[in-house]
Structures are given as structure tokens and as C-alpha cells.
C-alpha atoms as a PDB file:
ATOM      1  CA  MET A   1     -10.682 -32.058  -1.012  1.00  0.00           C
ATOM      2  CA  ASP A   2      -8.507 -29.639  -3.003  1.00  0.00           C
ATOM      3  CA  LEU A   3      -9.952 -26.167  -3.503  1.00  0.00           C
ATOM      4  CA  ASP A   4     -10.248 -25.410  -7.233  1.00  0.00           C
ATOM      5  CA  LEU A   5      -8.745 -21.965  -7.813  1.00  0.00           C
ATOM      6  CA  ARG A   6     -10.689 -21.482 -11.052  1.00  0.00           C
ATOM      7  CA  LYS A   7     -13.972 -22.022  -9.224  1.00  0.00           C
ATOM      8  CA  LEU A   8     -12.744 -19.693  -6.508  1.00  0.00           C
ATOM      9  CA  ARG A   9     -12.088 -16.942  -9.061  1.00  0.00           C
ATOM     10  CA  TYR A  10     -15.595 -17.465 -10.441  1.00  0.00           C
ATOM     11  CA  PHE A  11     -17.008 -17.203  -6.927  1.00  0.00           C
ATOM     12  CA  VAL A  12     -15.194 -13.914  -6.255  1.00  0.00           C
ATOM     13  CA  ALA A  13     -16.512 -12.450  -9.513  1.00  0.00           C
ATOM     14  CA  VAL A  14     -20.094 -13.232  -8.506  1.00  0.00           C
ATOM     15  CA  ALA A  15     -19.555 -12.143  -4.894  1.00  0.00           C
ATOM     16  CA  ASP A  16     -18.125  -8.786  -5.971  1.00  0.00           C
ATOM     17  CA  ARG A  17     -21.055  -8.042  -8.291  1.00  0.00           C
ATOM     18  CA  LEU A  18     -23.853 -10.048  -6.647  1.00  0.00           C
ATOM     19  CA  HIS A  19     -25.076 -10.696 -10.170  1.00  0.00           C
ATOM     20  CA  PHE A  20     -24.454 -13.868 -12.157  1.00  0.00           C
ATOM     21  CA  GLY A  21     -25.059 -12.250 -15.540  1.00  0.00           C
ATOM     22  CA  ARG A  22     -22.583  -9.392 -15.054  1.00  0.00           C
ATOM     23  CA  ALA A  23     -20.018 -11.753 -13.538  1.00  0.00           C
ATOM     24  CA  ALA A  24     -20.323 -14.111 -16.515  1.00  0.00           C
ATOM     25  CA  GLU A  25     -19.775 -11.198 -18.918  1.00  0.00           C
ATOM     26  CA  GLU A  26     -16.688 -10.109 -16.986  1.00  0.00           C
ATOM     27  CA  LEU A  27     -15.318 -13.677 -17.037  1.00  0.00           C
ATOM     28  CA  HIS A  28     -16.207 -14.151 -20.738  1.00  0.00           C
ATOM     29  CA  ILE A  29     -18.150 -17.339 -20.066  1.00  0.00           C
ATOM     30  CA  ALA A  30     -21.810 -18.285 -20.461  1.00  0.00           C
ATOM     31  CA  GLN A  31     -24.026 -17.693 -17.440  1.00  0.00           C
ATOM     32  CA  PRO A  32     -25.203 -21.339 -17.233  1.00  0.00           C
ATOM     33  CA  VAL A  33     -21.555 -22.452 -17.126  1.00  0.00           C
ATOM     34  CA  LEU A  34     -20.841 -20.015 -14.295  1.00  0.00           C
ATOM     35  CA  SER A  35     -23.909 -21.194 -12.351  1.00  0.00           C
ATOM     36  CA  ARG A  36     -22.792 -24.832 -12.694  1.00  0.00           C
ATOM     37  CA  GLN A  37     -19.292 -23.966 -11.457  1.00  0.00           C
ATOM     38  CA  ILE A  38     -20.672 -22.166  -8.408  1.00  0.00           C
ATOM     39  CA  ARG A  39     -22.964 -25.102  -7.597  1.00  0.00           C
ATOM     40  CA  ALA A  40     -19.993 -27.448  -7.940  1.00  0.00           C
ATOM     41  CA  LEU A  41     -17.964 -25.272  -5.558  1.00  0.00           C
ATOM     42  CA  GLU A  42     -20.815 -25.303  -3.056  1.00  0.00           C
ATOM     43  CA  GLN A  43     -20.901 -29.101  -3.289  1.00  0.00           C
ATOM     44  CA  ASP A  44     -17.126 -29.251  -2.807  1.00  0.00           C
ATOM     45  CA  LEU A  45     -17.355 -27.118   0.332  1.00  0.00           C
ATOM     46  CA  GLY A  46     -20.585 -28.587   1.633  1.00  0.00           C
ATOM     47  CA  ALA A  47     -22.077 -25.139   2.119  1.00  0.00           C
ATOM     48  CA  ALA A  48     -24.389 -22.756   0.296  1.00  0.00           C
ATOM     49  CA  LEU A  49     -22.482 -19.612  -0.690  1.00  0.00           C
ATOM     50  CA  PHE A  50     -25.330 -17.519  -2.116  1.00  0.00           C
ATOM     51  CA  THR A  51     -29.000 -17.064  -1.441  1.00  0.00           C
ATOM     52  CA  ARG A  52     -30.868 -16.612  -4.716  1.00  0.00           C
ATOM     53  CA  ASP A  53     -34.429 -15.304  -4.892  1.00  0.00           C
ATOM     54  CA  ARG A  54     -36.541 -12.863  -6.898  1.00  0.00           C
ATOM     55  CA  HIS A  55     -34.924  -9.973  -5.039  1.00  0.00           C
ATOM     56  CA  GLY A  56     -31.411 -10.855  -6.221  1.00  0.00           C
ATOM     57  CA  VAL A  57     -28.263 -12.591  -5.013  1.00  0.00           C
ATOM     58  CA  VAL A  58     -27.006 -12.362  -1.414  1.00  0.00           C
ATOM     59  CA  LEU A  59     -23.952 -13.912   0.219  1.00  0.00           C
ATOM     60  CA  THR A  60     -24.594 -16.410   3.005  1.00  0.00           C
ATOM     61  CA  ASP A  61     -22.468 -16.435   6.159  1.00  0.00           C
ATOM     62  CA  ALA A  62     -20.338 -19.150   4.530  1.00  0.00           C
ATOM     63  CA  GLY A  63     -20.056 -17.042   1.386  1.00  0.00           C
ATOM     64  CA  ARG A  64     -18.920 -13.989   3.323  1.00  0.00           C
ATOM     65  CA  GLN A  65     -16.275 -16.073   5.074  1.00  0.00           C
ATOM     66  CA  LEU A  66     -15.032 -17.516   1.790  1.00  0.00           C
ATOM     67  CA  LEU A  67     -14.859 -14.041   0.250  1.00  0.00           C
ATOM     68  CA  THR A  68     -12.740 -12.873   3.196  1.00  0.00           C
ATOM     69  CA  ASP A  69     -10.302 -15.751   2.702  1.00  0.00           C
ATOM     70  CA  ALA A  70     -10.377 -15.929  -1.099  1.00  0.00           C
ATOM     71  CA  GLY A  71      -8.262 -12.832  -1.674  1.00  0.00           C
ATOM     72  CA  LEU A  72      -5.308 -14.235   0.254  1.00  0.00           C
ATOM     73  CA  LEU A  73      -5.590 -17.622  -1.470  1.00  0.00           C
ATOM     74  CA  LEU A  74      -5.721 -16.183  -4.987  1.00  0.00           C
ATOM     75  CA  ALA A  75      -2.958 -13.662  -4.292  1.00  0.00           C
ATOM     76  CA  SER A  76      -0.753 -16.425  -2.906  1.00  0.00           C
ATOM     77  CA  ALA A  77      -1.344 -18.502  -6.042  1.00  0.00           C
ATOM     78  CA  HIS A  78      -0.341 -15.530  -8.231  1.00  0.00           C
ATOM     79  CA  ALA A  79       2.786 -15.050  -6.126  1.00  0.00           C
ATOM     80  CA  VAL A  80       3.793 -18.705  -6.512  1.00  0.00           C
ATOM     81  CA  ARG A  81       3.382 -18.487 -10.289  1.00  0.00           C
ATOM     82  CA  ARG A  82       5.542 -15.346 -10.458  1.00  0.00           C
ATOM     83  CA  ARG A  83       8.312 -16.853  -8.330  1.00  0.00           C
ATOM     84  CA  VAL A  84       8.367 -20.111 -10.289  1.00  0.00           C
ATOM     85  CA  SER A  85       8.530 -18.199 -13.587  1.00  0.00           C
ATOM     86  CA  ALA A  86      11.374 -16.054 -12.271  1.00  0.00           C
ATOM     87  CA  ALA A  87      13.273 -19.130 -11.119  1.00  0.00           C
ATOM     88  CA  ALA A  88      12.786 -20.787 -14.512  1.00  0.00           C
ATOM     89  CA  ARG A  89      14.286 -17.703 -16.207  1.00  0.00           C
ATOM     90  CA  GLY A  90      17.256 -17.813 -13.856  1.00  0.00           C
ATOM     91  CA  SER A  91      16.313 -14.359 -12.586  1.00  0.00           C
ATOM     92  CA  HIS A  92      18.316 -13.084  -9.628  1.00  0.00           C
ATOM     93  CA  ARG A  93      16.519  -9.968  -8.488  1.00  0.00           C
ATOM     94  CA  LEU A  94      14.622  -8.631  -5.534  1.00  0.00           C
ATOM     95  CA  VAL A  95      11.731  -6.221  -6.128  1.00  0.00           C
ATOM     96  CA  VAL A  96      11.334  -3.690  -3.324  1.00  0.00           C
ATOM     97  CA  GLY A  97       8.263  -1.475  -3.109  1.00  0.00           C
ATOM     98  CA  PHE A  98       8.441   1.908  -1.399  1.00  0.00           C
ATOM     99  CA  ARG A  99       6.034   4.648  -0.406  1.00  0.00           C
ATOM    100  CA  ALA A 100       6.581   8.265  -1.348  1.00  0.00           C
ATOM    101  CA  GLY A 101       9.428   9.861   0.595  1.00  0.00           C
ATOM    102  CA  ILE A 102      11.016   6.632   1.841  1.00  0.00           C
ATOM    103  CA  PRO A 103      14.613   6.131   0.602  1.00  0.00           C
ATOM    104  CA  VAL A 104      15.443   2.591  -0.494  1.00  0.00           C
ATOM    105  CA  ILE A 105      18.977   3.065  -1.790  1.00  0.00           C
ATOM    106  CA  PRO A 106      20.869   2.906   1.548  1.00  0.00           C
ATOM    107  CA  ALA A 107      19.437  -0.551   2.312  1.00  0.00           C
ATOM    108  CA  ALA A 108      19.797  -1.643  -1.323  1.00  0.00           C
ATOM    109  CA  ARG A 109      23.496  -0.747  -1.334  1.00  0.00           C
ATOM    110  CA  ALA A 110      24.105  -2.607   1.919  1.00  0.00           C
ATOM    111  CA  PHE A 111      22.234  -5.647   0.570  1.00  0.00           C
ATOM    112  CA  GLU A 112      23.996  -5.638  -2.809  1.00  0.00           C
ATOM    113  CA  ALA A 113      27.386  -5.498  -1.078  1.00  0.00           C
ATOM    114  CA  ARG A 114      26.541  -8.919   0.403  1.00  0.00           C
ATOM    115  CA  HIS A 115      24.762 -10.239  -2.698  1.00  0.00           C
ATOM    116  CA  PRO A 116      26.528  -8.754  -5.740  1.00  0.00           C
ATOM    117  CA  ASP A 117      24.780 -11.282  -8.017  1.00  0.00           C
ATOM    118  CA  VAL A 118      21.294 -10.051  -7.048  1.00  0.00           C
ATOM    119  CA  VAL A 119      19.791  -6.946  -8.647  1.00  0.00           C
ATOM    120  CA  VAL A 120      17.525  -4.834  -6.426  1.00  0.00           C
ATOM    121  CA  ASP A 121      14.664  -3.290  -8.406  1.00  0.00           C
ATOM    122  CA  VAL A 122      12.573  -0.599  -6.716  1.00  0.00           C
ATOM    123  CA  GLN A 123       8.951   0.225  -7.447  1.00  0.00           C
ATOM    124  CA  ARG A 124       6.850   3.102  -6.164  1.00  0.00           C
ATOM    125  CA  ILE A 125       3.619   1.995  -4.490  1.00  0.00           C
ATOM    126  CA  GLU A 126       0.605   3.894  -3.176  1.00  0.00           C
ATOM    127  CA  TRP A 127      -1.331   3.276   0.036  1.00  0.00           C
ATOM    128  CA  ASP A 128      -3.955   1.067  -1.647  1.00  0.00           C
ATOM    129  CA  ASP A 129      -1.257  -0.970  -3.452  1.00  0.00           C
ATOM    130  CA  GLN A 130       0.693  -1.934  -0.346  1.00  0.00           C
ATOM    131  CA  ALA A 131      -0.932  -5.212   0.706  1.00  0.00           C
ATOM    132  CA  PRO A 132      -2.140  -6.429  -2.723  1.00  0.00           C
ATOM    133  CA  MET A 133       1.293  -6.089  -4.368  1.00  0.00           C
ATOM    134  CA  LEU A 134       2.961  -7.976  -1.528  1.00  0.00           C
ATOM    135  CA  LEU A 135       0.375 -10.741  -1.429  1.00  0.00           C
ATOM    136  CA  ASP A 136       0.321 -11.450  -5.165  1.00  0.00           C
ATOM    137  CA  GLY A 137       4.104 -11.314  -5.546  1.00  0.00           C
ATOM    138  CA  ARG A 138       4.489  -8.174  -7.660  1.00  0.00           C
ATOM    139  CA  ILE A 139       6.953  -6.987  -5.021  1.00  0.00           C
ATOM    140  CA  ASP A 140       9.021  -9.160  -2.694  1.00  0.00           C
ATOM    141  CA  VAL A 141       9.261  -6.733   0.195  1.00  0.00           C
ATOM    142  CA  GLY A 142       7.759  -3.309   0.771  1.00  0.00           C
ATOM    143  CA  TYR A 143       8.480  -0.167   2.749  1.00  0.00           C
ATOM    144  CA  VAL A 144       4.968   0.637   3.987  1.00  0.00           C
ATOM    145  CA  ARG A 145       3.299   3.218   6.164  1.00  0.00           C
ATOM    146  CA  LEU A 146       0.794   2.233   8.834  1.00  0.00           C
ATOM    147  CA  PRO A 147      -2.071   1.620   9.006  1.00  0.00           C
ATOM    148  CA  ILE A 148      -2.132  -1.336   6.623  1.00  0.00           C
ATOM    149  CA  ASP A 149      -4.299  -4.441   6.500  1.00  0.00           C
ATOM    150  CA  GLU A 150      -1.842  -6.920   8.009  1.00  0.00           C
ATOM    151  CA  ALA A 151      -3.828 -10.043   7.109  1.00  0.00           C
ATOM    152  CA  GLY A 152      -1.419 -12.435   5.409  1.00  0.00           C
ATOM    153  CA  LEU A 153       1.569 -10.159   6.021  1.00  0.00           C
ATOM    154  CA  ARG A 154       4.595 -10.077   8.321  1.00  0.00           C
ATOM    155  CA  VAL A 155       5.250  -6.471   9.351  1.00  0.00           C
ATOM    156  CA  THR A 156       8.510  -5.232  10.899  1.00  0.00           C
ATOM    157  CA  PRO A 157       8.648  -1.681  12.374  1.00  0.00           C
ATOM    158  CA  LEU A 158      11.624   0.395  11.175  1.00  0.00           C
ATOM    159  CA  TYR A 159      11.319   3.990  12.365  1.00  0.00           C
ATOM    160  CA  THR A 160       8.913   6.860  12.879  1.00  0.00           C
ATOM    161  CA  GLU A 161       8.932  10.319  11.391  1.00  0.00           C
ATOM    162  CA  PRO A 162       7.054  13.492  12.353  1.00  0.00           C
ATOM    163  CA  ARG A 163       4.215  14.885  10.281  1.00  0.00           C
ATOM    164  CA  VAL A 164       3.996  18.307   8.726  1.00  0.00           C
ATOM    165  CA  ALA A 165       1.132  20.519   7.677  1.00  0.00           C
ATOM    166  CA  VAL A 166       1.131  21.283   3.940  1.00  0.00           C
ATOM    167  CA  LEU A 167       0.056  24.885   3.369  1.00  0.00           C
ATOM    168  CA  PRO A 168      -0.195  27.221   0.364  1.00  0.00           C
ATOM    169  CA  ALA A 169       2.884  29.453   0.231  1.00  0.00           C
ATOM    170  CA  GLY A 170       0.751  32.536   0.925  1.00  0.00           C
ATOM    171  CA  HIS A 171      -1.079  31.006   3.887  1.00  0.00           C
ATOM    172  CA  ARG A 172      -1.201  33.077   7.103  1.00  0.00           C
ATOM    173  CA  LEU A 173       0.748  30.315   8.945  1.00  0.00           C
ATOM    174  CA  ALA A 174       3.310  29.561   6.230  1.00  0.00           C
ATOM    175  CA  GLY A 175       6.843  29.930   7.557  1.00  0.00           C
ATOM    176  CA  LYS A 176       5.922  29.354  11.207  1.00  0.00           C
ATOM    177  CA  GLU A 177       8.217  27.149  13.280  1.00  0.00           C
ATOM    178  CA  ALA A 178       5.261  24.935  14.235  1.00  0.00           C
ATOM    179  CA  VAL A 179       1.454  24.917  14.242  1.00  0.00           C
ATOM    180  CA  THR A 180      -1.268  23.053  16.121  1.00  0.00           C
ATOM    181  CA  GLU A 181      -4.475  21.442  14.943  1.00  0.00           C
ATOM    182  CA  ALA A 182      -6.344  24.235  16.688  1.00  0.00           C
ATOM    183  CA  ASP A 183      -4.468  26.771  14.522  1.00  0.00           C
ATOM    184  CA  LEU A 184      -5.813  24.990  11.444  1.00  0.00           C
ATOM    185  CA  ALA A 185      -9.385  24.470  12.644  1.00  0.00           C
ATOM    186  CA  GLY A 186     -11.921  25.233   9.931  1.00  0.00           C
ATOM    187  CA  GLU A 187      -9.397  25.106   7.084  1.00  0.00           C
ATOM    188  CA  PRO A 188     -10.618  23.301   3.937  1.00  0.00           C
ATOM    189  CA  LEU A 189      -8.778  20.024   3.415  1.00  0.00           C
ATOM    190  CA  VAL A 190      -7.113  18.346   0.510  1.00  0.00           C
ATOM    191  CA  TRP A 191      -8.265  14.947   1.670  1.00  0.00           C
ATOM    192  CA  HIS A 192      -5.796  12.136   1.015  1.00  0.00           C
ATOM    193  CA  ALA A 193      -7.473   8.715   0.978  1.00  0.00           C
ATOM    194  CA  ASP A 194      -4.368   7.237   2.635  1.00  0.00           C
ATOM    195  CA  PRO A 195      -5.201   6.937   6.375  1.00  0.00           C
ATOM    196  CA  SER A 196      -1.529   7.498   7.289  1.00  0.00           C
ATOM    197  CA  THR A 197      -1.761  11.134   6.136  1.00  0.00           C
ATOM    198  CA  GLN A 198      -5.003  11.998   7.881  1.00  0.00           C
ATOM    199  CA  PRO A 199      -5.078  14.236  10.987  1.00  0.00           C
ATOM    200  CA  THR A 200      -6.381  12.905  14.278  1.00  0.00           C
ATOM    201  CA  ARG A 201      -9.500  15.064  14.064  1.00  0.00           C
ATOM    202  CA  ARG A 202     -11.068  13.600  10.954  1.00  0.00           C
ATOM    203  CA  PRO A 203     -13.215  15.991   8.897  1.00  0.00           C
ATOM    204  CA  HIS A 204     -16.484  15.027   7.274  1.00  0.00           C
ATOM    205  CA  PRO A 205     -15.831  12.459   4.498  1.00  0.00           C
ATOM    206  CA  ASN A 206     -17.307  14.798   1.895  1.00  0.00           C
ATOM    207  CA  ALA A 207     -15.190  17.771   2.989  1.00  0.00           C
ATOM    208  CA  GLY A 208     -12.509  19.137   0.686  1.00  0.00           C
ATOM    209  CA  TYR A 209     -10.816  17.462  -2.267  1.00  0.00           C
ATOM    210  CA  LEU A 210     -10.086  13.730  -2.329  1.00  0.00           C
ATOM    211  CA  VAL A 211      -6.684  12.875  -3.858  1.00  0.00           C
ATOM    212  CA  ARG A 212      -4.640   9.699  -4.231  1.00  0.00           C
ATOM    213  CA  GLY A 213      -0.957  10.635  -4.254  1.00  0.00           C
ATOM    214  CA  VAL A 214       1.509  13.232  -2.999  1.00  0.00           C
ATOM    215  CA  ASP A 215       1.799  14.940  -6.391  1.00  0.00           C
ATOM    216  CA  GLU A 216      -1.960  15.557  -6.550  1.00  0.00           C
ATOM    217  CA  THR A 217      -1.922  16.774  -2.953  1.00  0.00           C
ATOM    218  CA  LEU A 218       0.724  19.397  -3.649  1.00  0.00           C
ATOM    219  CA  GLU A 219      -0.998  20.699  -6.781  1.00  0.00           C
ATOM    220  CA  HIS A 220      -4.319  21.185  -4.991  1.00  0.00           C
ATOM    221  CA  VAL A 221      -2.669  22.839  -1.978  1.00  0.00           C
ATOM    222  CA  ALA A 222      -0.605  25.102  -4.266  1.00  0.00           C
ATOM    223  CA  ALA A 223      -3.813  26.150  -6.008  1.00  0.00           C
ATOM    224  CA  GLY A 224      -5.218  27.265  -2.650  1.00  0.00           C
ATOM    225  CA  ARG A 225      -7.947  24.628  -2.470  1.00  0.00           C
ATOM    226  CA  GLY A 226      -7.038  23.561   1.054  1.00  0.00           C
ATOM    227  CA  ILE A 227      -4.342  22.272   3.380  1.00  0.00           C
ATOM    228  CA  SER A 228      -3.075  18.728   3.931  1.00  0.00           C
ATOM    229  CA  PHE A 229      -0.756  16.601   6.091  1.00  0.00           C
ATOM    230  CA  LEU A 230       2.244  14.499   5.096  1.00  0.00           C
ATOM    231  CA  ALA A 231       5.202  12.719   6.668  1.00  0.00           C
ATOM    232  CA  ARG A 232       8.269  14.957   7.090  1.00  0.00           C
ATOM    233  CA  SER A 233      10.153  13.208   4.269  1.00  0.00           C
ATOM    234  CA  ALA A 234       7.936  15.162   1.879  1.00  0.00           C
ATOM    235  CA  THR A 235       9.994  18.266   2.675  1.00  0.00           C
ATOM    236  CA  VAL A 236      13.028  16.649   1.012  1.00  0.00           C
ATOM    237  CA  PHE A 237      11.581  14.511  -1.759  1.00  0.00           C
ATOM    238  CA  TYR A 238       8.749  16.814  -2.814  1.00  0.00           C
ATOM    239  CA  SER A 239       9.517  20.519  -3.063  1.00  0.00           C
ATOM    240  CA  HIS A 240       7.060  22.949  -4.634  1.00  0.00           C
ATOM    241  CA  PRO A 241       7.523  26.713  -5.011  1.00  0.00           C
ATOM    242  CA  ASP A 242       3.908  27.388  -4.048  1.00  0.00           C
ATOM    243  CA  VAL A 243       3.759  25.107  -1.003  1.00  0.00           C
ATOM    244  CA  SER A 244       5.055  25.549   2.553  1.00  0.00           C
ATOM    245  CA  TYR A 245       5.692  22.729   5.037  1.00  0.00           C
ATOM    246  CA  VAL A 246       5.218  23.512   8.736  1.00  0.00           C
ATOM    247  CA  PRO A 247       5.812  21.007  11.577  1.00  0.00           C
ATOM    248  CA  ILE A 248       2.745  19.979  13.559  1.00  0.00           C
ATOM    249  CA  PRO A 249       4.266  18.232  16.619  1.00  0.00           C
ATOM    250  CA  GLU A 250       1.001  17.219  18.309  1.00  0.00           C
ATOM    251  CA  LEU A 251       0.130  14.745  15.548  1.00  0.00           C
ATOM    252  CA  ALA A 252       1.196  11.152  16.174  1.00  0.00           C
ATOM    253  CA  PRO A 253       4.334  10.325  14.160  1.00  0.00           C
ATOM    254  CA  ASP A 254       4.149   8.343  10.939  1.00  0.00           C
ATOM    255  CA  GLN A 255       5.253   4.702  11.349  1.00  0.00           C
ATOM    256  CA  VAL A 256       7.426   3.257   8.578  1.00  0.00           C
ATOM    257  CA  CYS A 257       7.651  -0.539   8.428  1.00  0.00           C
ATOM    258  CA  LEU A 258       8.880  -3.326   6.192  1.00  0.00           C
ATOM    259  CA  ALA A 259       6.288  -5.880   5.119  1.00  0.00           C
ATOM    260  CA  VAL A 260       6.454  -9.236   3.354  1.00  0.00           C
ATOM    261  CA  ALA A 261       3.839 -11.882   2.666  1.00  0.00           C
ATOM    262  CA  ALA A 262       3.608 -14.182   5.691  1.00  0.00           C
ATOM    263  CA  SER A 263       3.878 -17.202   3.392  1.00  0.00           C
ATOM    264  CA  ARG A 264       7.082 -15.850   1.814  1.00  0.00           C
ATOM    265  CA  THR A 265      10.200 -17.674   2.989  1.00  0.00           C
ATOM    266  CA  SER A 266      13.408 -16.424   1.423  1.00  0.00           C
ATOM    267  CA  PRO A 267      16.931 -15.922   2.801  1.00  0.00           C
ATOM    268  CA  LEU A 268      17.325 -12.992   0.385  1.00  0.00           C
ATOM    269  CA  VAL A 269      14.236 -11.248   1.760  1.00  0.00           C
ATOM    270  CA  ASP A 270      15.482 -11.845   5.311  1.00  0.00           C
ATOM    271  CA  ASP A 271      18.881 -10.374   4.397  1.00  0.00           C
ATOM    272  CA  PHE A 272      17.239  -7.297   2.870  1.00  0.00           C
ATOM    273  CA  ILE A 273      15.177  -6.777   6.017  1.00  0.00           C
ATOM    274  CA  ALA A 274      18.380  -6.980   8.059  1.00  0.00           C
ATOM    275  CA  ALA A 275      20.057  -4.419   5.773  1.00  0.00           C
ATOM    276  CA  ALA A 276      17.046  -2.112   6.078  1.00  0.00           C
ATOM    277  CA  GLN A 277      17.120  -2.353   9.860  1.00  0.00           C
ATOM    278  CA  GLU A 278      20.837  -1.544   9.897  1.00  0.00           C
ATOM    279  CA  THR A 279      20.422   1.500   7.652  1.00  0.00           C
ATOM    280  CA  ALA A 280      17.401   2.668   9.643  1.00  0.00           C
ATOM    281  CA  GLU A 281      19.606   2.758  12.744  1.00  0.00           C
ATOM    282  CA  ILE A 282      22.258   4.738  10.844  1.00  0.00           C
ATOM    283  CA  THR A 283      19.555   7.150   9.704  1.00  0.00           C
ATOM    284  CA  ALA A 284      18.448   7.685  13.283  1.00  0.00           C
ATOM    285  CA  GLU A 285      22.044   8.350  14.392  1.00  0.00           C
ATOM    286  CA  CYS A 286      22.970  10.675  11.525  1.00  0.00           C
ATOM    287  CA  GLY A 287      19.669  12.528  11.252  1.00  0.00           C
ATOM    288  CA  ASN A 288      16.838  11.732   8.885  1.00  0.00           C
ATOM    289  CA  TYR A 289      17.258  14.842   6.781  1.00  0.00           C
ATOM    290  CA  GLU A 290      20.855  14.061   5.802  1.00  0.00           C
ATOM    291  CA  MET A 291      20.068  10.438   4.962  1.00  0.00           C
ATOM    292  CA  TRP A 292      17.047  11.380   2.890  1.00  0.00           C
ATOM    293  CA  GLN A 293      19.086  13.997   1.032  1.00  0.00           C
ATOM    294  CA  LEU A 294      21.852  11.464   0.331  1.00  0.00           C
ATOM    295  CA  ALA A 295      19.389   8.964  -1.129  1.00  0.00           C
ATOM    296  CA  SER A 296      17.015  11.376  -2.874  1.00  0.00           C
ATOM    297  CA  ASP A 297      18.615  11.515  -6.319  1.00  0.00           C
ATOM    298  CA  ALA A 298      19.200   7.771  -6.493  1.00  0.00           C
ATOM    299  CA  VAL A 299      15.635   6.931  -5.484  1.00  0.00           C
ATOM    300  CA  SER A 300      14.214   9.426  -7.967  1.00  0.00           C
ATOM    301  CA  LYS A 301      16.020   7.674 -10.831  1.00  0.00           C
ATOM    302  CA  HIS A 302      14.319   4.403  -9.908  1.00  0.00           C
ATOM    303  CA  SER A 303      10.799   5.710  -9.229  1.00  0.00           C
END
């Protein structure tokens, strides 16, 4: 039995909303049509996916399992379509995603020296984009920061970097050589949703300001609304006249990795990973600051 991807998309729409009417509106189909498709999928799988009663719609154990697996299946299908379309166009390019503060250009230059016919495109990604963009083929390989949902991915560690506290320029600890978490106890937080930027002592979820990216973080800190934490690369790629970066050595270092979809097999991707590993070693030998400074302008032009 072949799993019908259209029926699977219909299932995910219902599972996400737990409402057939709203799912049908979102899919632009009639509700009876959607109900028939879900029943057909249940017959295909030999399992009930939803429990329907006067109280509403609830996923069964089989439905919850299918929802867990459906994302990877649909993303993989999208990725196949993108790669086939690119091949049909005769496209020779590699799309590399990168998180804020991670230089791509050193690895890209090493890769392009071996593959002068392949163009390396770079694309900035945020913490909640990392896995989805890899799985559905929007990027071929990504520089990611842990933690990341590794389901369906192949993750290769590259290097670690220390974290810094991000303080308003007029803060009592601004300009110190280093601070501890105890020094910052009780400070309001600019709360980045990215787990890789969070301190080990997690504040209450409702504490402080919730932001999505580095730029928002810096603006809120500069305005005196709280402090935050970032990887050390922020001190090179993101300067702000009203913000001070202070090392906080007791925090666990940030782990930078390369990730690709586990189903992705490509000699070009493997060669890029090799180039990234080589340049990561050079970075460690020469000092991260100098390498970041060398790559900063080039990465900025591509972000």
C-alpha cells in the first residue's frame, strides 16, 4: 500500500486544528470531501486516526503516531520536488543556511575552489527554521546551534564558542572582564525563544520580554528592558553603541554543528561538510575572533 501524500496533508490539517470544518476551510475543499478522504486514509492504514463525538475531535494513539511521522514524510516529498526541479533547470548551486554570527564564507571559498562550477548561496535562518528548512529542501546544509530536533537529520559537530552576557551600556557590570550568573541574579531578562541562548538557570516563562532574533534582543537590551545571553560571535557580527558584552565563563559553551537531512545523499554536500570541518580547524588554530572578523563583511553581503 502506497501512502497518499494528499490524504496525509489533509490528515495533518485536521490533526493540527482538531476541527474538520476549519481544516476544510484552510484546504479550500468541502467538509464532506475532507471527511471522505480521512476515512479513506483510515481504511488504507487499517487504523482509526480520530475519535469523533459530541465533545469534538481527538487523535487516537495511531493518529498521534502518524502526526509525529507525517512532518518528515511531507518535508521529504517537498525536498524531492525542489531537487528535481533544480536538476531540470540545470541548476548548479548549493544553498547553505547559517545562524546569526556563524561565518560561512571560509568554507564556501574552500568548497568553490574544488567546485568552481557550483555557486554557493547562503541564507540566514533562525532557531525555529533550522530543522524545517533542512527537511523540506529549502537549504541543502545548515550551520545550526544546539539544541535542535535531530529527527530526520544528520548532525556533525564543528566547534564550540563561549557565551556572553548582553548588558545595557550603562549597566553596573558593563565593562567587567567576566561575570557570573550569581552577579546577574534578579535581573529582568530579554527572553530569547531559542534554547541555545538561554542561561542554565531558566527564569519563569512569563518573565521579561520574549524575542525571536538577535536584532530584537539588542534593541530591547539597549532600551534597558533587561539583559540577555548570546554566543561570543555576537561581539563581532552585532555591535551596538548602547550594548555591552561581558564574558560569562560558567555557562556551558554554545555548540555549532552542520546538519543535513538524513535522507539527503549528495557528493557536493559531503564535500561542503569536509570544507567546513577544515575551516573550523583553521579557525580554532588562528583564533575565532580573527576568523570571524575576516568573514564578517562577506557574510553580511549575503545575509
